[in-house]
C-alpha atoms as a PDB file:
ATOM      1  CA  UNK A   1      -0.054  -0.098  -0.085  1.00  0.00           C
ATOM      2  CA  UNK A   2       2.697   2.538   1.140  1.00  0.00           C
ATOM      3  CA  UNK A   3       6.082   2.622   2.696  1.00  0.00           C
ATOM      4  CA  UNK A   4       4.960   0.190   5.411  1.00  0.00           C
ATOM      5  CA  UNK A   5       4.728  -2.403   2.823  1.00  0.00           C
ATOM      6  CA  UNK A   6       8.308  -3.429   3.451  1.00  0.00           C
ATOM      7  CA  UNK A   7       7.229  -4.515   7.001  1.00  0.00           C
ATOM      8  CA  UNK A   8       4.767  -6.658   5.533  1.00  0.00           C
ATOM      9  CA  UNK A   9       7.639  -8.907   4.106  1.00  0.00           C
ATOM     10  CA  UNK A  10       8.931  -9.277   7.609  1.00  0.00           C
ATOM     11  CA  UNK A  11       5.499  -9.867   9.077  1.00  0.00           C
ATOM     12  CA  UNK A  12       4.901 -12.517   6.409  1.00  0.00           C
ATOM     13  CA  UNK A  13       8.229 -14.376   7.374  1.00  0.00           C
ATOM     14  CA  UNK A  14       7.113 -14.348  11.042  1.00  0.00           C
ATOM     15  CA  UNK A  15       3.685 -15.587  10.136  1.00  0.00           C
ATOM     16  CA  UNK A  16       5.234 -18.614   8.202  1.00  0.00           C
ATOM     17  CA  UNK A  17       7.256 -19.558  11.109  1.00  0.00           C
ATOM     18  CA  UNK A  18       4.438 -19.398  13.431  1.00  0.00           C
ATOM     19  CA  UNK A  19       2.333 -21.787  11.626  1.00  0.00           C
ATOM     20  CA  UNK A  20       5.163 -24.329  11.385  1.00  0.00           C
ATOM     21  CA  UNK A  21       6.148 -23.735   7.725  1.00  0.00           C
ATOM     22  CA  UNK A  22       2.799 -25.089   6.585  1.00  0.00           C
ATOM     23  CA  UNK A  23       1.420 -23.144   3.527  1.00  0.00           C
ATOM     24  CA  UNK A  24      -1.951 -21.500   4.547  1.00  0.00           C
ATOM     25  CA  UNK A  25      -4.614 -19.437   2.889  1.00  0.00           C
ATOM     26  CA  UNK A  26      -6.674 -18.511   6.063  1.00  0.00           C
ATOM     27  CA  UNK A  27      -7.274 -15.232   7.787  1.00  0.00           C
ATOM     28  CA  UNK A  28      -7.150 -17.013  11.031  1.00  0.00           C
ATOM     29  CA  UNK A  29      -5.576 -20.239  12.479  1.00  0.00           C
ATOM     30  CA  UNK A  30      -5.697 -22.230  15.703  1.00  0.00           C
ATOM     31  CA  UNK A  31      -3.079 -24.675  16.929  1.00  0.00           C
ATOM     32  CA  UNK A  32      -2.516 -27.152  19.730  1.00  0.00           C
ATOM     33  CA  UNK A  33       1.171 -27.669  19.129  1.00  0.00           C
ATOM     34  CA  UNK A  34       1.821 -30.829  20.969  1.00  0.00           C
ATOM     35  CA  UNK A  35      -0.381 -33.802  19.619  1.00  0.00           C
ATOM     36  CA  UNK A  36       0.561 -35.652  22.741  1.00  0.00           C
ATOM     37  CA  UNK A  37      -1.343 -33.077  24.958  1.00  0.00           C
ATOM     38  CA  UNK A  38      -4.528 -34.099  23.286  1.00  0.00           C
ATOM     39  CA  UNK A  39      -7.155 -36.210  24.979  1.00  0.00           C
ATOM     40  CA  UNK A  40      -6.665 -35.001  28.584  1.00  0.00           C
ATOM     41  CA  UNK A  41      -9.231 -35.673  31.173  1.00  0.00           C
ATOM     42  CA  UNK A  42      -9.531 -34.832  34.963  1.00  0.00           C
ATOM     43  CA  UNK A  43     -12.201 -33.750  37.513  1.00  0.00           C
ATOM     44  CA  UNK A  44     -12.068 -29.974  36.305  1.00  0.00           C
ATOM     45  CA  UNK A  45     -11.849 -30.294  32.411  1.00  0.00           C
ATOM     46  CA  UNK A  46     -12.254 -32.823  29.607  1.00  0.00           C
ATOM     47  CA  UNK A  47     -10.554 -32.558  26.198  1.00  0.00           C
ATOM     48  CA  UNK A  48     -12.579 -33.613  23.134  1.00  0.00           C
ATOM     49  CA  UNK A  49      -9.539 -32.957  20.650  1.00  0.00           C
ATOM     50  CA  UNK A  50     -10.227 -36.502  19.023  1.00  0.00           C
ATOM     51  CA  UNK A  51     -13.577 -35.248  17.915  1.00  0.00           C
ATOM     52  CA  UNK A  52     -14.389 -32.987  14.830  1.00  0.00           C
ATOM     53  CA  UNK A  53     -15.526 -29.442  15.753  1.00  0.00           C
ATOM     54  CA  UNK A  54     -17.306 -27.769  13.065  1.00  0.00           C
ATOM     55  CA  UNK A  55     -18.057 -24.120  13.260  1.00  0.00           C
ATOM     56  CA  UNK A  56     -20.140 -21.411  11.668  1.00  0.00           C
ATOM     57  CA  UNK A  57     -19.068 -17.899  12.577  1.00  0.00           C
ATOM     58  CA  UNK A  58     -19.015 -13.997  12.418  1.00  0.00           C
ATOM     59  CA  UNK A  59     -15.796 -12.251  12.911  1.00  0.00           C
ATOM     60  CA  UNK A  60     -15.129  -8.450  13.319  1.00  0.00           C
ATOM     61  CA  UNK A  61     -11.667  -7.135  13.385  1.00  0.00           C
ATOM     62  CA  UNK A  62     -10.366  -3.515  13.797  1.00  0.00           C
ATOM     63  CA  UNK A  63      -7.190  -1.430  14.320  1.00  0.00           C
ATOM     64  CA  UNK A  64      -7.623   1.987  15.997  1.00  0.00           C
ATOM     65  CA  UNK A  65      -5.403   4.839  17.211  1.00  0.00           C
ATOM     66  CA  UNK A  66      -5.901   7.233  19.841  1.00  0.00           C
ATOM     67  CA  UNK A  67      -3.707  10.312  20.575  1.00  0.00           C
ATOM     68  CA  UNK A  68      -3.977  12.298  23.745  1.00  0.00           C
ATOM     69  CA  UNK A  69      -2.307  15.693  24.704  1.00  0.00           C
ATOM     70  CA  UNK A  70      -2.228  15.313  28.621  1.00  0.00           C
ATOM     71  CA  UNK A  71      -1.501  19.190  28.866  1.00  0.00           C
ATOM     72  CA  UNK A  72      -4.560  20.365  26.950  1.00  0.00           C
ATOM     73  CA  UNK A  73      -6.587  17.257  27.905  1.00  0.00           C
ATOM     74  CA  UNK A  74      -7.342  16.913  24.149  1.00  0.00           C
ATOM     75  CA  UNK A  75      -7.986  13.309  22.704  1.00  0.00           C
ATOM     76  CA  UNK A  76      -8.259  12.379  18.961  1.00  0.00           C
ATOM     77  CA  UNK A  77      -9.585   8.780  18.063  1.00  0.00           C
ATOM     78  CA  UNK A  78      -9.306   7.548  14.738  1.00  0.00           C
ATOM     79  CA  UNK A  79     -10.642   4.071  13.348  1.00  0.00           C
ATOM     80  CA  UNK A  80     -11.298   2.312  10.190  1.00  0.00           C
ATOM     81  CA  UNK A  81     -14.747   1.368   8.857  1.00  0.00           C
ATOM     82  CA  UNK A  82     -15.510  -1.863  10.493  1.00  0.00           C
ATOM     83  CA  UNK A  83     -16.231  -4.966   8.410  1.00  0.00           C
ATOM     84  CA  UNK A  84     -17.831  -8.174   9.508  1.00  0.00           C
ATOM     85  CA  UNK A  85     -16.855 -11.466   7.944  1.00  0.00           C
ATOM     86  CA  UNK A  86     -18.902 -14.644   7.666  1.00  0.00           C
ATOM     87  CA  UNK A  87     -17.009 -17.965   7.563  1.00  0.00           C
ATOM     88  CA  UNK A  88     -16.686 -21.446   8.866  1.00  0.00           C
ATOM     89  CA  UNK A  89     -13.814 -23.396  10.357  1.00  0.00           C
ATOM     90  CA  UNK A  90     -12.830 -26.722  12.080  1.00  0.00           C
ATOM     91  CA  UNK A  91     -10.776 -28.174  14.742  1.00  0.00           C
ATOM     92  CA  UNK A  92      -9.340 -31.802  14.935  1.00  0.00           C
ATOM     93  CA  UNK A  93      -6.652 -33.056  17.072  1.00  0.00           C
ATOM     94  CA  UNK A  94      -3.851 -30.178  17.260  1.00  0.00           C
ATOM     95  CA  UNK A  95      -4.985 -28.462  14.043  1.00  0.00           C
ATOM     96  CA  UNK A  96      -7.698 -25.984  13.430  1.00  0.00           C
ATOM     97  CA  UNK A  97      -8.443 -23.524  10.384  1.00  0.00           C
ATOM     98  CA  UNK A  98     -11.080 -20.744   9.947  1.00  0.00           C
ATOM     99  CA  UNK A  99     -11.982 -19.089   6.674  1.00  0.00           C
ATOM    100  CA  UNK A 100     -14.117 -15.991   6.370  1.00  0.00           C
ATOM    101  CA  UNK A 101     -15.419 -13.643   3.570  1.00  0.00           C
ATOM    102  CA  UNK A 102     -15.985 -10.031   4.341  1.00  0.00           C
ATOM    103  CA  UNK A 103     -19.495  -8.633   3.901  1.00  0.00           C
ATOM    104  CA  UNK A 104     -19.284  -5.555   1.859  1.00  0.00           C
ATOM    105  CA  UNK A 105     -20.039  -2.165   3.688  1.00  0.00           C
ATOM    106  CA  UNK A 106     -23.245  -0.807   2.402  1.00  0.00           C
ATOM    107  CA  UNK A 107     -23.116   2.470   0.325  1.00  0.00           C
ATOM    108  CA  UNK A 108     -24.430   4.756   3.321  1.00  0.00           C
ATOM    109  CA  UNK A 109     -21.725   3.682   5.873  1.00  0.00           C
ATOM    110  CA  UNK A 110     -18.999   4.250   3.214  1.00  0.00           C
ATOM    111  CA  UNK A 111     -20.286   7.581   2.561  1.00  0.00           C
ATOM    112  CA  UNK A 112     -20.396   8.356   6.297  1.00  0.00           C
ATOM    113  CA  UNK A 113     -17.272   6.769   7.353  1.00  0.00           C
ATOM    114  CA  UNK A 114     -15.117   6.430   4.315  1.00  0.00           C
ATOM    115  CA  UNK A 115     -13.652   3.341   2.535  1.00  0.00           C
ATOM    116  CA  UNK A 116     -11.039   1.199   4.258  1.00  0.00           C
ATOM    117  CA  UNK A 117      -8.795  -1.148   2.977  1.00  0.00           C
ATOM    118  CA  UNK A 118      -7.181  -3.906   5.111  1.00  0.00           C
ATOM    119  CA  UNK A 119      -4.882  -6.981   5.528  1.00  0.00           C
ATOM    120  CA  UNK A 120      -5.603  -8.650   8.525  1.00  0.00           C
ATOM    121  CA  UNK A 121      -4.288 -12.077   9.633  1.00  0.00           C
ATOM    122  CA  UNK A 122      -4.299 -13.404  13.113  1.00  0.00           C
ATOM    123  CA  UNK A 123      -2.975 -16.617  14.552  1.00  0.00           C
ATOM    124  CA  UNK A 124      -3.491 -18.183  17.891  1.00  0.00           C
ATOM    125  CA  UNK A 125      -1.497 -21.196  19.088  1.00  0.00           C
ATOM    126  CA  UNK A 126      -2.632 -23.267  22.061  1.00  0.00           C
ATOM    127  CA  UNK A 127      -1.073 -26.014  23.935  1.00  0.00           C
ATOM    128  CA  UNK A 128      -1.860 -27.344  27.249  1.00  0.00           C
ATOM    129  CA  UNK A 129       0.965 -25.375  28.849  1.00  0.00           C
ATOM    130  CA  UNK A 130       1.329 -22.447  26.565  1.00  0.00           C
ATOM    131  CA  UNK A 131      -0.643 -19.875  24.417  1.00  0.00           C
ATOM    132  CA  UNK A 132       0.979 -17.946  21.581  1.00  0.00           C
ATOM    133  CA  UNK A 133      -0.878 -14.943  19.830  1.00  0.00           C
ATOM    134  CA  UNK A 134       0.299 -13.383  16.448  1.00  0.00           C
ATOM    135  CA  UNK A 135      -1.203 -10.762  14.352  1.00  0.00           C
ATOM    136  CA  UNK A 136      -0.227  -8.700  11.177  1.00  0.00           C
ATOM    137  CA  UNK A 137      -2.483  -5.862  10.250  1.00  0.00           C
ATOM    138  CA  UNK A 138      -2.166  -3.140   7.498  1.00  0.00           C
ATOM    139  CA  UNK A 139      -5.104  -0.584   7.290  1.00  0.00           C
ATOM    140  CA  UNK A 140      -5.708   2.403   5.051  1.00  0.00           C
ATOM    141  CA  UNK A 141      -8.789   4.821   5.225  1.00  0.00           C
ATOM    142  CA  UNK A 142      -9.860   6.225   8.943  1.00  0.00           C
ATOM    143  CA  UNK A 143     -12.272   8.514  10.213  1.00  0.00           C
ATOM    144  CA  UNK A 144     -12.457  10.683  13.457  1.00  0.00           C
ATOM    145  CA  UNK A 145     -14.490   8.744  15.864  1.00  0.00           C
ATOM    146  CA  UNK A 146     -14.944  11.488  18.496  1.00  0.00           C
ATOM    147  CA  UNK A 147     -15.603  14.702  16.747  1.00  0.00           C
ATOM    148  CA  UNK A 148     -18.322  15.574  18.759  1.00  0.00           C
ATOM    149  CA  UNK A 149     -15.805  15.936  21.589  1.00  0.00           C
ATOM    150  CA  UNK A 150     -13.654  18.224  19.829  1.00  0.00           C
ATOM    151  CA  UNK A 151     -15.806  20.680  17.935  1.00  0.00           C
ATOM    152  CA  UNK A 152     -19.421  21.569  16.698  1.00  0.00           C
ATOM    153  CA  UNK A 153     -19.970  19.059  13.813  1.00  0.00           C
ATOM    154  CA  UNK A 154     -23.456  18.971  12.164  1.00  0.00           C
ATOM    155  CA  UNK A 155     -22.407  17.395   8.972  1.00  0.00           C
ATOM    156  CA  UNK A 156     -23.902  13.982   7.782  1.00  0.00           C
ATOM    157  CA  UNK A 157     -20.668  12.486   7.386  1.00  0.00           C
ATOM    158  CA  UNK A 158     -17.702  11.945   9.808  1.00  0.00           C
ATOM    159  CA  UNK A 159     -14.285  13.727   9.334  1.00  0.00           C
ATOM    160  CA  UNK A 160     -12.511  11.295   7.180  1.00  0.00           C
ATOM    161  CA  UNK A 161      -8.792  10.624   6.608  1.00  0.00           C
ATOM    162  CA  UNK A 162      -8.689   8.432   3.393  1.00  0.00           C
ATOM    163  CA  UNK A 163      -4.912   8.449   2.987  1.00  0.00           C
ATOM    164  CA  UNK A 164      -3.919   7.561   6.581  1.00  0.00           C
ATOM    165  CA  UNK A 165      -2.454   4.215   6.945  1.00  0.00           C
ATOM    166  CA  UNK A 166      -1.485   2.088   9.977  1.00  0.00           C
ATOM    167  CA  UNK A 167       0.666  -1.115  10.349  1.00  0.00           C
ATOM    168  CA  UNK A 168       0.926  -3.410  13.356  1.00  0.00           C
ATOM    169  CA  UNK A 169       2.628  -6.390  13.953  1.00  0.00           C
ATOM    170  CA  UNK A 170       2.348  -8.289  17.297  1.00  0.00           C
ATOM    171  CA  UNK A 171       3.683 -11.691  19.006  1.00  0.00           C
ATOM    172  CA  UNK A 172       3.180 -12.780  22.371  1.00  0.00           C
ATOM    173  CA  UNK A 173       3.698 -15.924  24.284  1.00  0.00           C
ATOM    174  CA  UNK A 174       2.539 -17.016  27.605  1.00  0.00           C
ATOM    175  CA  UNK A 175       2.743 -19.837  30.202  1.00  0.00           C
ATOM    176  CA  UNK A 176      -0.243 -21.282  31.715  1.00  0.00           C
ATOM    177  CA  UNK A 177       0.667 -22.225  35.548  1.00  0.00           C
ATOM    178  CA  UNK A 178      -2.450 -24.076  36.499  1.00  0.00           C
ATOM    179  CA  UNK A 179      -2.472 -26.118  33.150  1.00  0.00           C
ATOM    180  CA  UNK A 180      -3.412 -29.333  34.951  1.00  0.00           C
ATOM    181  CA  UNK A 181      -6.983 -27.812  36.149  1.00  0.00           C
ATOM    182  CA  UNK A 182      -7.563 -24.969  33.670  1.00  0.00           C
ATOM    183  CA  UNK A 183      -7.852 -25.146  29.920  1.00  0.00           C
ATOM    184  CA  UNK A 184      -7.586 -22.203  27.560  1.00  0.00           C
ATOM    185  CA  UNK A 185      -8.787 -24.304  24.857  1.00  0.00           C
ATOM    186  CA  UNK A 186     -12.149 -24.946  26.626  1.00  0.00           C
ATOM    187  CA  UNK A 187     -12.940 -21.189  26.543  1.00  0.00           C
ATOM    188  CA  UNK A 188     -11.526 -20.168  23.081  1.00  0.00           C
ATOM    189  CA  UNK A 189     -11.269 -23.212  20.815  1.00  0.00           C
ATOM    190  CA  UNK A 190     -14.054 -25.187  22.529  1.00  0.00           C
ATOM    191  CA  UNK A 191     -12.504 -28.447  21.748  1.00  0.00           C
ATOM    192  CA  UNK A 192     -12.491 -29.158  25.428  1.00  0.00           C
ATOM    193  CA  UNK A 193     -14.890 -28.386  28.272  1.00  0.00           C
ATOM    194  CA  UNK A 194     -14.276 -26.830  31.638  1.00  0.00           C
ATOM    195  CA  UNK A 195     -16.518 -28.999  33.977  1.00  0.00           C
ATOM    196  CA  UNK A 196     -15.822 -26.783  37.192  1.00  0.00           C
ATOM    197  CA  UNK A 197     -14.685 -23.108  37.704  1.00  0.00           C
ATOM    198  CA  UNK A 198     -10.739 -22.764  37.692  1.00  0.00           C
ATOM    199  CA  UNK A 199      -8.082 -20.290  36.768  1.00  0.00           C
ATOM    200  CA  UNK A 200      -4.434 -19.827  36.316  1.00  0.00           C
ATOM    201  CA  UNK A 201      -1.635 -17.037  36.634  1.00  0.00           C
ATOM    202  CA  UNK A 202       0.052 -16.396  33.230  1.00  0.00           C
ATOM    203  CA  UNK A 203       3.489 -15.231  32.558  1.00  0.00           C
ATOM    204  CA  UNK A 204       5.102 -14.422  29.095  1.00  0.00           C
ATOM    205  CA  UNK A 205       6.649 -11.936  26.811  1.00  0.00           C
ATOM    206  CA  UNK A 206       5.690  -9.813  23.893  1.00  0.00           C
ATOM    207  CA  UNK A 207       7.008  -7.923  20.939  1.00  0.00           C
ATOM    208  CA  UNK A 208       4.981  -5.131  19.093  1.00  0.00           C
ATOM    209  CA  UNK A 209       5.601  -2.968  16.216  1.00  0.00           C
ATOM    210  CA  UNK A 210       3.176  -0.143  15.386  1.00  0.00           C
ATOM    211  CA  UNK A 211       3.134   2.872  12.787  1.00  0.00           C
ATOM    212  CA  UNK A 212       0.761   5.208  11.402  1.00  0.00           C
ATOM    213  CA  UNK A 213       1.137   8.222   9.103  1.00  0.00           C
ATOM    214  CA  UNK A 214       0.341   9.342   5.572  1.00  0.00           C
ATOM    215  CA  UNK A 215       2.235   8.797   2.115  1.00  0.00           C
ATOM    216  CA  UNK A 216       5.204  10.862   1.519  1.00  0.00           C
ATOM    217  CA  UNK A 217       3.541  12.751  -1.406  1.00  0.00           C
ATOM    218  CA  UNK A 218       0.499  13.582   0.837  1.00  0.00           C
ATOM    219  CA  UNK A 219       1.993  14.474   4.113  1.00  0.00           C
ATOM    220  CA  UNK A 220      -0.668  15.854   6.620  1.00  0.00           C
ATOM    221  CA  UNK A 221      -1.351  15.982  10.410  1.00  0.00           C
ATOM    222  CA  UNK A 222      -3.728  13.272  12.059  1.00  0.00           C
ATOM    223  CA  UNK A 223      -6.157  16.272  12.757  1.00  0.00           C
ATOM    224  CA  UNK A 224      -7.834  17.557   9.619  1.00  0.00           C
ATOM    225  CA  UNK A 225      -7.092  20.918   8.653  1.00  0.00           C
ATOM    226  CA  UNK A 226     -10.355  22.251   8.832  1.00  0.00           C
ATOM    227  CA  UNK A 227     -10.577  21.563  12.547  1.00  0.00           C
ATOM    228  CA  UNK A 228     -10.325  24.531  14.890  1.00  0.00           C
ATOM    229  CA  UNK A 229      -6.581  25.876  15.178  1.00  0.00           C
ATOM    230  CA  UNK A 230      -6.277  25.175  18.841  1.00  0.00           C
ATOM    231  CA  UNK A 231      -6.984  21.455  17.932  1.00  0.00           C
ATOM    232  CA  UNK A 232      -4.562  21.231  15.290  1.00  0.00           C
ATOM    233  CA  UNK A 233      -1.970  22.821  17.606  1.00  0.00           C
ATOM    234  CA  UNK A 234      -2.737  20.589  20.433  1.00  0.00           C
ATOM    235  CA  UNK A 235      -2.047  17.468  18.315  1.00  0.00           C
ATOM    236  CA  UNK A 236       0.330  18.352  15.483  1.00  0.00           C
ATOM    237  CA  UNK A 237       1.693  14.860  14.989  1.00  0.00           C
ATOM    238  CA  UNK A 238       1.942  13.802  11.551  1.00  0.00           C
ATOM    239  CA  UNK A 239       3.435  10.205  11.845  1.00  0.00           C
ATOM    240  CA  UNK A 240       4.743   7.867  14.331  1.00  0.00           C
ATOM    241  CA  UNK A 241       6.670   4.559  14.619  1.00  0.00           C
ATOM    242  CA  UNK A 242       7.226   2.410  17.656  1.00  0.00           C
ATOM    243  CA  UNK A 243       8.830  -0.780  18.947  1.00  0.00           C
ATOM    244  CA  UNK A 244       7.862  -2.354  22.306  1.00  0.00           C
ATOM    245  CA  UNK A 245       9.385  -5.583  23.841  1.00  0.00           C
ATOM    246  CA  UNK A 246       8.837  -6.755  27.321  1.00  0.00           C
ATOM    247  CA  UNK A 247       7.285  -9.072  29.819  1.00  0.00           C
ATOM    248  CA  UNK A 248       3.574  -9.734  31.015  1.00  0.00           C
ATOM    249  CA  UNK A 249       2.007 -11.192  34.007  1.00  0.00           C
ATOM    250  CA  UNK A 250      -1.716 -11.728  34.598  1.00  0.00           C
ATOM    251  CA  UNK A 251      -4.519 -13.845  35.344  1.00  0.00           C
ATOM    252  CA  UNK A 252      -7.375 -15.879  33.587  1.00  0.00           C
ATOM    253  CA  UNK A 253     -10.336 -17.366  35.254  1.00  0.00           C
ATOM    254  CA  UNK A 254     -13.369 -19.533  33.797  1.00  0.00           C
ATOM    255  CA  UNK A 255     -16.468 -19.415  35.825  1.00  0.00           C
ATOM    256  CA  UNK A 256     -18.944 -22.355  35.150  1.00  0.00           C
ATOM    257  CA  UNK A 257     -22.479 -22.000  36.132  1.00  0.00           C
ATOM    258  CA  UNK A 258     -25.695 -23.920  35.709  1.00  0.00           C
ATOM    259  CA  UNK A 259     -23.615 -26.740  34.223  1.00  0.00           C
ATOM    260  CA  UNK A 260     -23.835 -25.678  30.561  1.00  0.00           C
ATOM    261  CA  UNK A 261     -22.791 -22.022  30.842  1.00  0.00           C
ATOM    262  CA  UNK A 262     -19.398 -20.435  31.222  1.00  0.00           C
ATOM    263  CA  UNK A 263     -17.703 -17.218  31.343  1.00  0.00           C
ATOM    264  CA  UNK A 264     -13.949 -16.659  30.945  1.00  0.00           C
ATOM    265  CA  UNK A 265     -12.145 -13.288  31.890  1.00  0.00           C
ATOM    266  CA  UNK A 266      -8.428 -12.733  31.136  1.00  0.00           C
ATOM    267  CA  UNK A 267      -6.288  -9.774  31.885  1.00  0.00           C
ATOM    268  CA  UNK A 268      -2.438  -9.614  30.984  1.00  0.00           C
ATOM    269  CA  UNK A 269      -0.829  -6.242  31.410  1.00  0.00           C
ATOM    270  CA  UNK A 270       2.771  -6.197  30.283  1.00  0.00           C
ATOM    271  CA  UNK A 271       5.726  -3.495  30.524  1.00  0.00           C
ATOM    272  CA  UNK A 272       8.773  -3.185  28.434  1.00  0.00           C
ATOM    273  CA  UNK A 273      11.442  -1.451  26.576  1.00  0.00           C
ATOM    274  CA  UNK A 274       9.925   1.036  24.011  1.00  0.00           C
ATOM    275  CA  UNK A 275      11.365   2.984  21.245  1.00  0.00           C
ATOM    276  CA  UNK A 276       9.246   5.674  19.499  1.00  0.00           C
ATOM    277  CA  UNK A 277       9.837   8.003  16.631  1.00  0.00           C
ATOM    278  CA  UNK A 278       7.413  10.964  16.184  1.00  0.00           C
ATOM    279  CA  UNK A 279       7.056  13.220  13.219  1.00  0.00           C
ATOM    280  CA  UNK A 280       5.619  16.754  14.480  1.00  0.00           C
ATOM    281  CA  UNK A 281       5.727  20.179  12.944  1.00  0.00           C
ATOM    282  CA  UNK A 282       8.249  18.937  10.344  1.00  0.00           C
ATOM    283  CA  UNK A 283      10.602  17.634  12.844  1.00  0.00           C
ATOM    284  CA  UNK A 284      11.390  13.840  13.487  1.00  0.00           C
ATOM    285  CA  UNK A 285      12.208  12.952  17.088  1.00  0.00           C
ATOM    286  CA  UNK A 286      12.985   9.628  18.856  1.00  0.00           C
ATOM    287  CA  UNK A 287      12.835   8.744  22.318  1.00  0.00           C
ATOM    288  CA  UNK A 288      13.602   5.405  24.345  1.00  0.00           C
ATOM    289  CA  UNK A 289      11.482   4.864  27.628  1.00  0.00           C
ATOM    290  CA  UNK A 290       9.122   2.381  29.218  1.00  0.00           C
ATOM    291  CA  UNK A 291       5.997   1.292  27.338  1.00  0.00           C
ATOM    292  CA  UNK A 292       2.959  -0.530  28.645  1.00  0.00           C
ATOM    293  CA  UNK A 293       0.651  -3.223  26.843  1.00  0.00           C
ATOM    294  CA  UNK A 294      -2.762  -4.427  27.867  1.00  0.00           C
ATOM    295  CA  UNK A 295      -3.951  -7.815  26.689  1.00  0.00           C
ATOM    296  CA  UNK A 296      -7.488  -8.667  27.378  1.00  0.00           C
ATOM    297  CA  UNK A 297      -9.810 -11.455  26.486  1.00  0.00           C
ATOM    298  CA  UNK A 298     -13.481 -12.471  27.386  1.00  0.00           C
ATOM    299  CA  UNK A 299     -15.386 -15.480  26.411  1.00  0.00           C
ATOM    300  CA  UNK A 300     -18.829 -16.470  27.147  1.00  0.00           C
ATOM    301  CA  UNK A 301     -20.520 -19.946  25.987  1.00  0.00           C
ATOM    302  CA  UNK A 302     -23.273 -22.459  26.057  1.00  0.00           C
ATOM    303  CA  UNK A 303     -23.141 -26.166  25.285  1.00  0.00           C
ATOM    304  CA  UNK A 304     -25.713 -28.957  25.245  1.00  0.00           C
ATOM    305  CA  UNK A 305     -25.404 -32.244  23.605  1.00  0.00           C
ATOM    306  CA  UNK A 306     -26.698 -31.035  20.149  1.00  0.00           C
ATOM    307  CA  UNK A 307     -24.708 -27.737  19.663  1.00  0.00           C
ATOM    308  CA  UNK A 308     -22.499 -25.179  21.248  1.00  0.00           C
ATOM    309  CA  UNK A 309     -22.258 -21.455  20.745  1.00  0.00           C
ATOM    310  CA  UNK A 310     -19.877 -19.024  21.941  1.00  0.00           C
ATOM    311  CA  UNK A 311     -18.799 -15.336  21.920  1.00  0.00           C
ATOM    312  CA  UNK A 312     -15.018 -14.299  22.304  1.00  0.00           C
ATOM    313  CA  UNK A 313     -13.385 -10.927  22.405  1.00  0.00           C
ATOM    314  CA  UNK A 314      -9.578 -10.243  22.139  1.00  0.00           C
ATOM    315  CA  UNK A 315      -7.892  -6.837  22.431  1.00  0.00           C
ATOM    316  CA  UNK A 316      -4.538  -5.537  22.685  1.00  0.00           C
ATOM    317  CA  UNK A 317      -3.998  -1.704  23.612  1.00  0.00           C
ATOM    318  CA  UNK A 318      -0.512  -0.055  23.836  1.00  0.00           C
ATOM    319  CA  UNK A 319       0.174   2.973  25.864  1.00  0.00           C
ATOM    320  CA  UNK A 320       3.284   5.111  24.800  1.00  0.00           C
ATOM    321  CA  UNK A 321       4.317   8.299  26.511  1.00  0.00           C
ATOM    322  CA  UNK A 322       6.081  10.908  24.251  1.00  0.00           C
ATOM    323  CA  UNK A 323       6.514  14.291  25.939  1.00  0.00           C
ATOM    324  CA  UNK A 324       2.928  15.712  26.957  1.00  0.00           C
ATOM    325  CA  UNK A 325       1.364  13.150  24.279  1.00  0.00           C
ATOM    326  CA  UNK A 326       0.131   9.662  25.065  1.00  0.00           C
ATOM    327  CA  UNK A 327      -0.041   7.383  21.777  1.00  0.00           C
ATOM    328  CA  UNK A 328      -2.482   4.372  22.145  1.00  0.00           C
ATOM    329  CA  UNK A 329      -2.757   2.029  19.172  1.00  0.00           C
ATOM    330  CA  UNK A 330      -4.956  -1.023  19.470  1.00  0.00           C
ATOM    331  CA  UNK A 331      -6.343  -4.094  17.699  1.00  0.00           C
ATOM    332  CA  UNK A 332      -9.322  -6.061  18.440  1.00  0.00           C
ATOM    333  CA  UNK A 333     -11.127  -9.282  17.452  1.00  0.00           C
ATOM    334  CA  UNK A 334     -14.817 -10.104  18.099  1.00  0.00           C
ATOM    335  CA  UNK A 335     -16.132 -13.545  17.087  1.00  0.00           C
ATOM    336  CA  UNK A 336     -19.462 -15.229  17.516  1.00  0.00           C
ATOM    337  CA  UNK A 337     -19.953 -18.893  16.574  1.00  0.00           C
ATOM    338  CA  UNK A 338     -22.152 -21.914  16.589  1.00  0.00           C
ATOM    339  CA  UNK A 339     -20.490 -25.421  16.476  1.00  0.00           C
ATOM    340  CA  UNK A 340     -21.163 -29.130  16.474  1.00  0.00           C
ATOM    341  CA  UNK A 341     -18.896 -31.859  17.792  1.00  0.00           C
ATOM    342  CA  UNK A 342     -18.692 -35.011  15.541  1.00  0.00           C
ATOM    343  CA  UNK A 343     -17.214 -38.296  16.602  1.00  0.00           C
ATOM    344  CA  UNK A 344     -16.688 -40.107  13.423  1.00  0.00           C
ATOM    345  CA  UNK A 345     -14.755 -42.950  15.205  1.00  0.00           C
ATOM    346  CA  UNK A 346     -17.572 -43.816  17.355  1.00  0.00           C
ATOM    347  CA  UNK A 347     -20.192 -43.802  14.549  1.00  0.00           C
ATOM    348  CA  UNK A 348     -18.172 -46.188  12.591  1.00  0.00           C
ATOM    349  CA  UNK A 349     -18.152 -48.621  15.488  1.00  0.00           C
END
């Protein structure tokens, strides 16, 4: 798309390594990396990895950016036009795959929010003891999501930044301490069932790369030039690029109630070394300091002998301080699915 395309090459190599050198065409994949970890049963959860799990789903992914001037208490939020994908997937043993087709935005939404182009690949690797998350996102076409907080705006369309692009790459790996009694797969893949409430502390590390800006031939500020001058002067940033590497420590817990329902809540804050380069007022500046990252997950589901359903959310939000500015890139994923387990081995018998 623009100059960030060179990072897509690096991202693609990382992605290929993550899926263990197997050629894939999917937009989302799920793995249990140790086949020997499959088929585990105890008093708190039972693993059904030996059965086929077929899913129908809707998925909504997004990439957003917020820039805050702490001195003036001014906040600018930018996001793309959200697109929902319809798809299907399956899981069997250690392997899972999901395919989705984006539903085109209607003309009214495109007129109000503008068009957005995107490349969005997310991978989740699950084993009994570890969880690995990876994503590559490249978006172009954003709009100002909080214009009513910044100025009087009576237009039928939102302020749009069609040339703005954003790139994000992330990799995180976490160890599940209470793996004997708690199953992440039961909440987020559903090829296992958590029979009784349980939780676990998590410990891991992360690497994130983020950038946003405009093409060299179309330099502009994130704030549109028709906004009040005080808003433009408060957030004069035109471009930024950051790297963040660190450690994360958190907790996850699944609550089981009425036998057939469950709710999982996970929070994994992290802190690490951060390098950020900001281009403002025609000057490029770089700063090294500490950066924080918040990784959150939720899952809610229901199951009976005929079908199961679930709703999962996944979000990563960074927070980087640069003088009086706080830059907060974020990525999110919301998925709803209906699924069915099939035991072909038993049917053959």
